[in-house]
Amino acid sequence: MRLYHFLPAQHALDDLREQRLKLSEIENLNDPFELWCSEQPDQPMRSVLRSWKREMSKSYGLLCFSAGWENPLLWSHYADRHRGMCLAFDVSDEYARKVEYVETRTTLTLPFTEETMQRLLFTKFCGWSYEEEWRVWLRLEEKDQATSKFFRSFDEEIKLCEIILGPLCDVTADMLTKILQGHSHSVDATKARLAFNSFQVVRDQRGIR
C-alpha cells in the first residue's frame, strides 16, 4: 500500500541521502495520551500502565505514516509549515497497521493480554483522526553514533517511490537528482501547491522549478 511520511526539508534530505527513516521515540511523541488510551479508574491500573509505558519507551520506537498527503494540516504540523517534504513509500500490507480513533477512553482489565497491548499501541483520540495514521512498531536496537537516534533503512518492506515537495519548499530538481544518485531504483519527484477550489494540497503540474 502507498503511505506518506512528512518531514522538514533538511531532515528529509538527510534521510534520502542515508536511505533511512528515523524512529520516533515514545517520550518524544506529540500526543501525551500515547499508550494511555484506556481508562485509569484505580491505582492498580494506573501503576500497571505507567510501568508498561516506561518499559515500552526503553525498548520500542515507531514509524508513523499517513494514508494521504493532500490534507494541509499534515503539511503545517509535520512538514515545517509547507516548507518541508513528503516521502511516499510502498509499504508491505503486513508491515504497517492502521490506527483506530475513538471518542472515549477504552475499558481494559488486568492482567494485560496480547489483544490489550495491541489496542494500546494502535488507538488514539479521535481529535487526531485527520492524520489517517498507519504505524510500525520496531525495537530500538543499534543507535546511530553520529546522531544518537535510531533509524530504519529503506528496503522492500518500506520502499521509497515518490518525493513530494511542499508548496513553500525551496529544494531544487538538481539537488534531488544529486541526492538520489545512490538509490537502486528510480524515484518520482513532484512539487505541490495549494488547490484553487478546495482546502487541499495538490500536485503542481508545472513540476519542480
C-alpha atoms as a PDB file:
ATOM      1  CA  MET A   1       0.000   0.000   0.000  1.00  0.00           C
ATOM      2  CA  ARG A   2       1.089   3.591  -0.577  1.00  0.00           C
ATOM      3  CA  LEU A   3       1.765   5.548   2.640  1.00  0.00           C
ATOM      4  CA  TYR A   4       3.226   9.002   3.299  1.00  0.00           C
ATOM      5  CA  HIS A   5       5.783  10.393   5.746  1.00  0.00           C
ATOM      6  CA  PHE A   6       6.112  14.166   6.323  1.00  0.00           C
ATOM      7  CA  LEU A   7       9.366  15.889   7.290  1.00  0.00           C
ATOM      8  CA  PRO A   8      11.099  19.266   7.401  1.00  0.00           C
ATOM      9  CA  ALA A   9      13.206  19.641   4.256  1.00  0.00           C
ATOM     10  CA  GLN A  10      16.631  19.176   5.859  1.00  0.00           C
ATOM     11  CA  HIS A  11      15.553  16.032   7.702  1.00  0.00           C
ATOM     12  CA  ALA A  12      14.040  14.654   4.502  1.00  0.00           C
ATOM     13  CA  LEU A  13      17.243  15.328   2.557  1.00  0.00           C
ATOM     14  CA  ASP A  14      19.312  13.641   5.260  1.00  0.00           C
ATOM     15  CA  ASP A  15      17.026  10.597   5.179  1.00  0.00           C
ATOM     16  CA  LEU A  16      17.179  10.445   1.383  1.00  0.00           C
ATOM     17  CA  ARG A  17      20.963  10.676   1.468  1.00  0.00           C
ATOM     18  CA  GLU A  18      21.284   7.905   4.046  1.00  0.00           C
ATOM     19  CA  GLN A  19      18.281   5.929   2.705  1.00  0.00           C
ATOM     20  CA  ARG A  20      16.631   5.556   6.080  1.00  0.00           C
ATOM     21  CA  LEU A  21      13.870   6.902   8.350  1.00  0.00           C
ATOM     22  CA  LYS A  22      14.262   7.999  11.943  1.00  0.00           C
ATOM     23  CA  LEU A  23      12.247   6.073  14.519  1.00  0.00           C
ATOM     24  CA  SER A  24      10.097   8.205  16.814  1.00  0.00           C
ATOM     25  CA  GLU A  25      10.731   7.503  20.488  1.00  0.00           C
ATOM     26  CA  ILE A  26       7.698   7.309  22.759  1.00  0.00           C
ATOM     27  CA  GLU A  27       8.777  10.033  25.179  1.00  0.00           C
ATOM     28  CA  ASN A  28       9.154  12.492  22.289  1.00  0.00           C
ATOM     29  CA  LEU A  29       5.727  11.932  20.697  1.00  0.00           C
ATOM     30  CA  ASN A  30       3.382  14.923  20.497  1.00  0.00           C
ATOM     31  CA  ASP A  31       0.360  13.121  21.982  1.00  0.00           C
ATOM     32  CA  PRO A  32       0.572  12.938  25.811  1.00  0.00           C
ATOM     33  CA  PHE A  33      -2.117  10.213  25.764  1.00  0.00           C
ATOM     34  CA  GLU A  34       0.073   7.898  23.655  1.00  0.00           C
ATOM     35  CA  LEU A  35      -0.284   4.335  25.028  1.00  0.00           C
ATOM     36  CA  TRP A  36      -2.788   5.718  27.567  1.00  0.00           C
ATOM     37  CA  CYS A  37      -5.980   5.400  25.520  1.00  0.00           C
ATOM     38  CA  SER A  38      -7.670   3.358  28.278  1.00  0.00           C
ATOM     39  CA  GLU A  39      -9.496   4.472  31.378  1.00  0.00           C
ATOM     40  CA  GLN A  40      -7.427   4.526  34.590  1.00  0.00           C
ATOM     41  CA  PRO A  41     -10.102   4.120  37.259  1.00  0.00           C
ATOM     42  CA  ASP A  42      -7.904   2.982  40.139  1.00  0.00           C
ATOM     43  CA  GLN A  43      -4.331   2.926  41.400  1.00  0.00           C
ATOM     44  CA  PRO A  44      -3.508  -0.668  40.325  1.00  0.00           C
ATOM     45  CA  MET A  45      -4.460   0.131  36.712  1.00  0.00           C
ATOM     46  CA  ARG A  46      -2.536   3.420  36.751  1.00  0.00           C
ATOM     47  CA  SER A  47       0.534   1.707  38.182  1.00  0.00           C
ATOM     48  CA  VAL A  48       0.488  -1.056  35.568  1.00  0.00           C
ATOM     49  CA  LEU A  49       0.008   1.375  32.692  1.00  0.00           C
ATOM     50  CA  ARG A  50       2.814   3.669  33.859  1.00  0.00           C
ATOM     51  CA  SER A  51       5.197   0.753  34.284  1.00  0.00           C
ATOM     52  CA  TRP A  52       4.273  -0.725  30.899  1.00  0.00           C
ATOM     53  CA  LYS A  53       4.696   2.605  29.088  1.00  0.00           C
ATOM     54  CA  ARG A  54       8.058   3.128  30.794  1.00  0.00           C
ATOM     55  CA  GLU A  55       9.298  -0.307  29.660  1.00  0.00           C
ATOM     56  CA  MET A  56       7.976   0.217  26.137  1.00  0.00           C
ATOM     57  CA  SER A  57       9.803   3.548  25.958  1.00  0.00           C
ATOM     58  CA  LYS A  58      13.104   1.825  26.696  1.00  0.00           C
ATOM     59  CA  SER A  59      12.731  -0.860  24.055  1.00  0.00           C
ATOM     60  CA  TYR A  60      10.479   0.301  21.198  1.00  0.00           C
ATOM     61  CA  GLY A  61      10.073   3.155  18.742  1.00  0.00           C
ATOM     62  CA  LEU A  62       7.789   3.632  15.791  1.00  0.00           C
ATOM     63  CA  LEU A  63       7.483   4.809  12.224  1.00  0.00           C
ATOM     64  CA  CYS A  64       4.408   6.942  11.556  1.00  0.00           C
ATOM     65  CA  PHE A  65       2.795   7.241   8.132  1.00  0.00           C
ATOM     66  CA  SER A  66      -0.370   8.834   6.767  1.00  0.00           C
ATOM     67  CA  ALA A  67      -2.808   7.322   4.297  1.00  0.00           C
ATOM     68  CA  GLY A  68      -2.841  10.514   2.210  1.00  0.00           C
ATOM     69  CA  TRP A  69      -0.842  13.676   1.616  1.00  0.00           C
ATOM     70  CA  GLU A  70      -3.429  16.259   0.494  1.00  0.00           C
ATOM     71  CA  ASN A  71      -4.501  17.494   3.959  1.00  0.00           C
ATOM     72  CA  PRO A  72      -2.916  20.942   4.595  1.00  0.00           C
ATOM     73  CA  LEU A  73      -2.797  20.257   8.364  1.00  0.00           C
ATOM     74  CA  LEU A  74      -0.272  17.468   7.791  1.00  0.00           C
ATOM     75  CA  TRP A  75       1.981  19.859   5.909  1.00  0.00           C
ATOM     76  CA  SER A  76       1.570  22.522   8.578  1.00  0.00           C
ATOM     77  CA  HIS A  77       2.219  20.257  11.563  1.00  0.00           C
ATOM     78  CA  TYR A  78       4.830  17.822  10.237  1.00  0.00           C
ATOM     79  CA  ALA A  79       6.497  19.433   7.198  1.00  0.00           C
ATOM     80  CA  ASP A  80       7.653  22.793   8.565  1.00  0.00           C
ATOM     81  CA  ARG A  81       4.508  24.731   7.619  1.00  0.00           C
ATOM     82  CA  HIS A  82       4.561  23.613   3.957  1.00  0.00           C
ATOM     83  CA  ARG A  83       8.314  24.264   3.594  1.00  0.00           C
ATOM     84  CA  GLY A  84       9.161  20.592   4.003  1.00  0.00           C
ATOM     85  CA  MET A  85       8.681  17.409   2.039  1.00  0.00           C
ATOM     86  CA  CYS A  86       6.563  14.282   1.943  1.00  0.00           C
ATOM     87  CA  LEU A  87       8.185  10.938   1.210  1.00  0.00           C
ATOM     88  CA  ALA A  88       5.880   8.321  -0.294  1.00  0.00           C
ATOM     89  CA  PHE A  89       6.544   4.630   0.335  1.00  0.00           C
ATOM     90  CA  ASP A  90       5.144   1.358  -0.878  1.00  0.00           C
ATOM     91  CA  VAL A  91       4.762  -0.483   2.429  1.00  0.00           C
ATOM     92  CA  SER A  92       4.055  -4.184   2.784  1.00  0.00           C
ATOM     93  CA  ASP A  93       0.444  -4.789   3.829  1.00  0.00           C
ATOM     94  CA  GLU A  94       1.591  -6.977   6.733  1.00  0.00           C
ATOM     95  CA  TYR A  95       4.144  -4.456   7.962  1.00  0.00           C
ATOM     96  CA  ALA A  96       2.066  -1.433   8.988  1.00  0.00           C
ATOM     97  CA  ARG A  97      -1.196  -1.312  10.918  1.00  0.00           C
ATOM     98  CA  LYS A  98      -3.933   1.304  10.838  1.00  0.00           C
ATOM     99  CA  VAL A  99      -4.581   3.414  13.946  1.00  0.00           C
ATOM    100  CA  GLU A 100      -8.099   3.337  15.397  1.00  0.00           C
ATOM    101  CA  TYR A 101      -9.550   6.643  16.568  1.00  0.00           C
ATOM    102  CA  VAL A 102     -12.000   6.739  19.495  1.00  0.00           C
ATOM    103  CA  GLU A 103     -14.084   9.409  21.244  1.00  0.00           C
ATOM    104  CA  THR A 104     -13.855   7.973  24.762  1.00  0.00           C
ATOM    105  CA  ARG A 105     -11.208   6.129  26.760  1.00  0.00           C
ATOM    106  CA  THR A 106     -11.447   2.361  26.375  1.00  0.00           C
ATOM    107  CA  THR A 107     -12.056  -0.045  29.258  1.00  0.00           C
ATOM    108  CA  LEU A 108      -9.324  -2.594  29.968  1.00  0.00           C
ATOM    109  CA  THR A 109      -8.938  -5.279  32.576  1.00  0.00           C
ATOM    110  CA  LEU A 110      -5.920  -6.777  34.303  1.00  0.00           C
ATOM    111  CA  PRO A 111      -3.857  -8.774  33.623  1.00  0.00           C
ATOM    112  CA  PHE A 112      -2.953  -7.444  30.156  1.00  0.00           C
ATOM    113  CA  THR A 113      -3.350  -9.769  27.204  1.00  0.00           C
ATOM    114  CA  GLU A 114      -1.814  -9.542  23.723  1.00  0.00           C
ATOM    115  CA  GLU A 115      -5.094  -8.071  22.484  1.00  0.00           C
ATOM    116  CA  THR A 116      -4.942  -5.446  25.250  1.00  0.00           C
ATOM    117  CA  MET A 117      -1.444  -4.371  24.306  1.00  0.00           C
ATOM    118  CA  GLN A 118      -2.298  -4.179  20.603  1.00  0.00           C
ATOM    119  CA  ARG A 119      -5.227  -1.922  21.428  1.00  0.00           C
ATOM    120  CA  LEU A 120      -2.983   0.381  23.456  1.00  0.00           C
ATOM    121  CA  LEU A 121      -0.410   0.529  20.666  1.00  0.00           C
ATOM    122  CA  PHE A 122      -2.855   1.367  17.873  1.00  0.00           C
ATOM    123  CA  THR A 123      -5.562   3.545  19.455  1.00  0.00           C
ATOM    124  CA  LYS A 124      -5.713   7.345  19.654  1.00  0.00           C
ATOM    125  CA  PHE A 125      -8.208  10.079  20.481  1.00  0.00           C
ATOM    126  CA  CYS A 126     -10.442  10.988  17.525  1.00  0.00           C
ATOM    127  CA  GLY A 127      -9.089  14.548  17.510  1.00  0.00           C
ATOM    128  CA  TRP A 128      -6.035  13.115  15.747  1.00  0.00           C
ATOM    129  CA  SER A 129      -8.045  11.402  13.016  1.00  0.00           C
ATOM    130  CA  TYR A 130      -7.016  13.923  10.342  1.00  0.00           C
ATOM    131  CA  GLU A 131      -3.632  12.173  10.357  1.00  0.00           C
ATOM    132  CA  GLU A 132      -5.124   8.917   8.971  1.00  0.00           C
ATOM    133  CA  GLU A 133      -2.182   7.250  10.657  1.00  0.00           C
ATOM    134  CA  TRP A 134      -0.608   3.894   9.977  1.00  0.00           C
ATOM    135  CA  ARG A 135       2.239   2.859  12.220  1.00  0.00           C
ATOM    136  CA  VAL A 136       5.031   0.328  12.562  1.00  0.00           C
ATOM    137  CA  TRP A 137       6.450  -0.553  15.999  1.00  0.00           C
ATOM    138  CA  LEU A 138      10.125  -1.559  15.996  1.00  0.00           C
ATOM    139  CA  ARG A 139      12.701  -2.483  18.602  1.00  0.00           C
ATOM    140  CA  LEU A 140      15.281   0.164  19.451  1.00  0.00           C
ATOM    141  CA  GLU A 141      18.439  -1.715  18.613  1.00  0.00           C
ATOM    142  CA  GLU A 142      21.604  -0.043  17.361  1.00  0.00           C
ATOM    143  CA  LYS A 143      21.788   3.715  17.992  1.00  0.00           C
ATOM    144  CA  ASP A 144      23.425   5.849  15.318  1.00  0.00           C
ATOM    145  CA  GLN A 145      26.634   7.164  16.878  1.00  0.00           C
ATOM    146  CA  ALA A 146      26.627  10.455  14.967  1.00  0.00           C
ATOM    147  CA  THR A 147      23.083  11.473  15.899  1.00  0.00           C
ATOM    148  CA  SER A 148      22.209   9.337  18.965  1.00  0.00           C
ATOM    149  CA  LYS A 149      18.989   8.423  17.139  1.00  0.00           C
ATOM    150  CA  PHE A 150      17.520   5.143  15.892  1.00  0.00           C
ATOM    151  CA  PHE A 151      16.842   4.536  12.205  1.00  0.00           C
ATOM    152  CA  ARG A 152      15.171   2.039   9.883  1.00  0.00           C
ATOM    153  CA  SER A 153      16.747   1.574   6.440  1.00  0.00           C
ATOM    154  CA  PHE A 154      14.726   1.656   3.235  1.00  0.00           C
ATOM    155  CA  ASP A 155      14.128  -1.799   1.760  1.00  0.00           C
ATOM    156  CA  GLU A 156      11.384  -3.820   0.069  1.00  0.00           C
ATOM    157  CA  GLU A 157       9.113  -3.546   3.121  1.00  0.00           C
ATOM    158  CA  ILE A 158       9.310   0.248   3.073  1.00  0.00           C
ATOM    159  CA  LYS A 159      10.266   1.139  -0.497  1.00  0.00           C
ATOM    160  CA  LEU A 160      10.675   4.790  -1.402  1.00  0.00           C
ATOM    161  CA  CYS A 161       8.670   5.553  -4.543  1.00  0.00           C
ATOM    162  CA  GLU A 162       7.974   9.307  -4.657  1.00  0.00           C
ATOM    163  CA  ILE A 163       9.083  12.641  -3.226  1.00  0.00           C
ATOM    164  CA  ILE A 164       6.592  15.495  -2.931  1.00  0.00           C
ATOM    165  CA  LEU A 165       7.992  18.957  -2.256  1.00  0.00           C
ATOM    166  CA  GLY A 166       5.761  21.224  -0.185  1.00  0.00           C
ATOM    167  CA  PRO A 167       4.250  24.373  -1.706  1.00  0.00           C
ATOM    168  CA  LEU A 168       6.875  26.543   0.025  1.00  0.00           C
ATOM    169  CA  CYS A 169       9.793  24.105  -0.236  1.00  0.00           C
ATOM    170  CA  ASP A 170      12.892  25.585  -1.918  1.00  0.00           C
ATOM    171  CA  VAL A 171      14.631  22.282  -2.734  1.00  0.00           C
ATOM    172  CA  THR A 172      15.527  22.211  -6.447  1.00  0.00           C
ATOM    173  CA  ALA A 173      15.402  19.458  -9.054  1.00  0.00           C
ATOM    174  CA  ASP A 174      19.220  19.476  -9.260  1.00  0.00           C
ATOM    175  CA  MET A 175      19.510  18.914  -5.512  1.00  0.00           C
ATOM    176  CA  LEU A 176      17.178  15.912  -5.699  1.00  0.00           C
ATOM    177  CA  THR A 177      18.970  14.445  -8.718  1.00  0.00           C
ATOM    178  CA  LYS A 178      22.312  14.525  -6.915  1.00  0.00           C
ATOM    179  CA  ILE A 179      20.970  13.095  -3.678  1.00  0.00           C
ATOM    180  CA  LEU A 180      19.135  10.226  -5.420  1.00  0.00           C
ATOM    181  CA  GLN A 181      22.129   9.025  -7.456  1.00  0.00           C
ATOM    182  CA  GLY A 182      22.944   6.300  -4.935  1.00  0.00           C
ATOM    183  CA  HIS A 183      19.450   4.796  -4.927  1.00  0.00           C
ATOM    184  CA  SER A 184      18.962   1.427  -6.597  1.00  0.00           C
ATOM    185  CA  HIS A 185      15.712   2.348  -8.371  1.00  0.00           C
ATOM    186  CA  SER A 186      14.095   5.414  -9.891  1.00  0.00           C
ATOM    187  CA  VAL A 187      12.045   7.652  -7.614  1.00  0.00           C
ATOM    188  CA  ASP A 188       9.438  10.096  -8.899  1.00  0.00           C
ATOM    189  CA  ALA A 189       9.560  13.689  -7.673  1.00  0.00           C
ATOM    190  CA  THR A 190       6.870  16.338  -7.857  1.00  0.00           C
ATOM    191  CA  LYS A 191       6.011  19.759  -6.482  1.00  0.00           C
ATOM    192  CA  ALA A 192       2.830  20.506  -4.533  1.00  0.00           C
ATOM    193  CA  ARG A 193       0.693  23.640  -4.479  1.00  0.00           C
ATOM    194  CA  LEU A 194      -2.431  24.844  -2.708  1.00  0.00           C
ATOM    195  CA  ALA A 195      -5.608  23.932  -4.580  1.00  0.00           C
ATOM    196  CA  PHE A 196      -7.594  26.755  -6.176  1.00  0.00           C
ATOM    197  CA  ASN A 197     -11.105  25.485  -5.341  1.00  0.00           C
ATOM    198  CA  SER A 198     -10.746  23.342  -2.207  1.00  0.00           C
ATOM    199  CA  PHE A 199      -8.865  23.185   1.096  1.00  0.00           C
ATOM    200  CA  GLN A 200      -6.325  20.683  -0.214  1.00  0.00           C
ATOM    201  CA  VAL A 201      -2.733  20.427  -1.275  1.00  0.00           C
ATOM    202  CA  VAL A 202      -2.447  19.122  -4.853  1.00  0.00           C
ATOM    203  CA  ARG A 203       0.223  18.438  -7.461  1.00  0.00           C
ATOM    204  CA  ASP A 204       1.644  21.424  -9.304  1.00  0.00           C
ATOM    205  CA  GLN A 205       1.518  20.474 -12.984  1.00  0.00           C
ATOM    206  CA  ARG A 206       4.388  22.861 -13.704  1.00  0.00           C
ATOM    207  CA  GLY A 207       6.699  20.492 -11.845  1.00  0.00           C
ATOM    208  CA  ILE A 208       9.774  21.323  -9.759  1.00  0.00           C
ATOM    209  CA  ARG A 209      11.406  24.583 -10.754  1.00  0.00           C
END
